[in-house]
């Protein structure tokens, strides 16, 4: 089983932060952290699907913590 196949067509699109927030009516540009993560993942030569999924999940949890009605937010 090859765990790290070489792919030359790796692309990553970062979802706008508004897709993770309670209000989806306003659009905002990706945060600096999202831009850094996207650049890091794009710079890798091999596909890292597990890493990509982990980073996406972490970004969603961080964004969820910024909303008022989030289960991830401290009380």
Protein backbone atom coordinates (compact mmCIF):
# COMPACT_ATOMS: atom_id res chain seq x y z
CA UNK A 1 0.00 0.00 0.00
CA UNK A 2 1.45 3.33 -1.07
CA UNK A 3 0.61 5.91 1.59
CA UNK A 4 2.13 8.88 -0.20
CA UNK A 5 1.37 8.84 -3.92
CA UNK A 6 3.04 11.60 -5.93
CA UNK A 7 0.54 14.00 -7.44
CA UNK A 8 1.37 17.06 -9.47
CA UNK A 9 -2.20 18.38 -9.57
CA UNK A 10 -2.62 19.25 -5.89
CA UNK A 11 -4.91 22.17 -5.32
CA UNK A 12 -6.47 23.60 -2.19
CA UNK A 13 -9.22 26.13 -1.91
CA UNK A 14 -9.77 27.83 1.40
CA UNK A 15 -13.40 28.40 2.26
CA UNK A 16 -14.26 31.91 3.38
CA UNK A 17 -14.57 32.30 7.12
CA UNK A 18 -18.25 33.18 6.74
CA UNK A 19 -18.98 29.54 5.86
CA UNK A 20 -17.90 28.55 9.37
CA UNK A 21 -19.73 31.28 11.25
CA UNK A 22 -23.32 31.48 12.44
CA UNK A 23 -24.08 34.22 9.92
CA UNK A 24 -23.54 33.32 6.29
CA UNK A 25 -24.96 36.56 4.91
CA UNK A 26 -21.64 38.44 4.95
CA UNK A 27 -18.51 37.47 3.05
CA UNK A 28 -15.07 37.93 4.54
CA UNK A 29 -11.66 37.10 3.15
CA UNK A 30 -9.70 34.13 4.51
CA UNK A 31 -7.87 34.87 7.73
CA UNK A 32 -4.09 35.07 7.91
CA UNK A 33 -4.01 31.65 9.56
CA UNK A 34 -6.08 30.14 6.76
CA UNK A 35 -3.80 31.70 4.13
CA UNK A 36 -0.70 30.32 5.88
CA UNK A 37 -2.22 26.83 6.13
CA UNK A 38 -3.30 26.91 2.49
CA UNK A 39 0.18 27.99 1.38
CA UNK A 40 1.81 25.27 3.49
CA UNK A 41 -0.44 22.56 2.06
CA UNK A 42 0.04 23.82 -1.51
CA UNK A 43 3.82 23.81 -1.09
CA UNK A 44 3.90 20.09 -0.32
CA UNK A 45 4.84 17.82 -3.20
CA UNK A 46 2.73 14.87 -2.11
CA UNK A 47 -0.95 14.50 -1.34
CA UNK A 48 -1.68 14.48 2.37
CA UNK A 49 -5.41 13.88 2.57
CA UNK A 50 -5.35 13.05 6.28
CA UNK A 51 -3.38 16.21 7.07
CA UNK A 52 -5.73 18.28 4.94
CA UNK A 53 -8.77 16.85 6.73
CA UNK A 54 -7.18 17.49 10.14
CA UNK A 55 -6.31 21.10 9.28
CA UNK A 56 -9.82 21.70 7.91
CA UNK A 57 -11.37 20.29 11.09
CA UNK A 58 -9.12 22.41 13.28
CA UNK A 59 -9.97 25.54 11.30
CA UNK A 60 -13.69 24.80 11.66
CA UNK A 61 -13.34 24.32 15.43
CA UNK A 62 -11.43 27.59 15.76
CA UNK A 63 -14.03 29.44 13.71
CA UNK A 64 -16.87 27.77 15.65
CA UNK A 65 -15.30 28.99 18.88
CA UNK A 66 -15.72 32.55 17.67
CA UNK A 67 -19.53 32.29 17.48
CA UNK A 68 -21.84 32.95 20.41
CA UNK A 69 -23.75 29.66 20.28
CA UNK A 70 -20.80 27.34 19.80
CA UNK A 71 -20.37 24.14 21.77
CA UNK A 72 -16.59 24.62 21.46
CA UNK A 73 -16.59 27.97 23.24
CA UNK A 74 -15.53 28.15 26.90
CA UNK A 75 -18.27 29.06 29.35
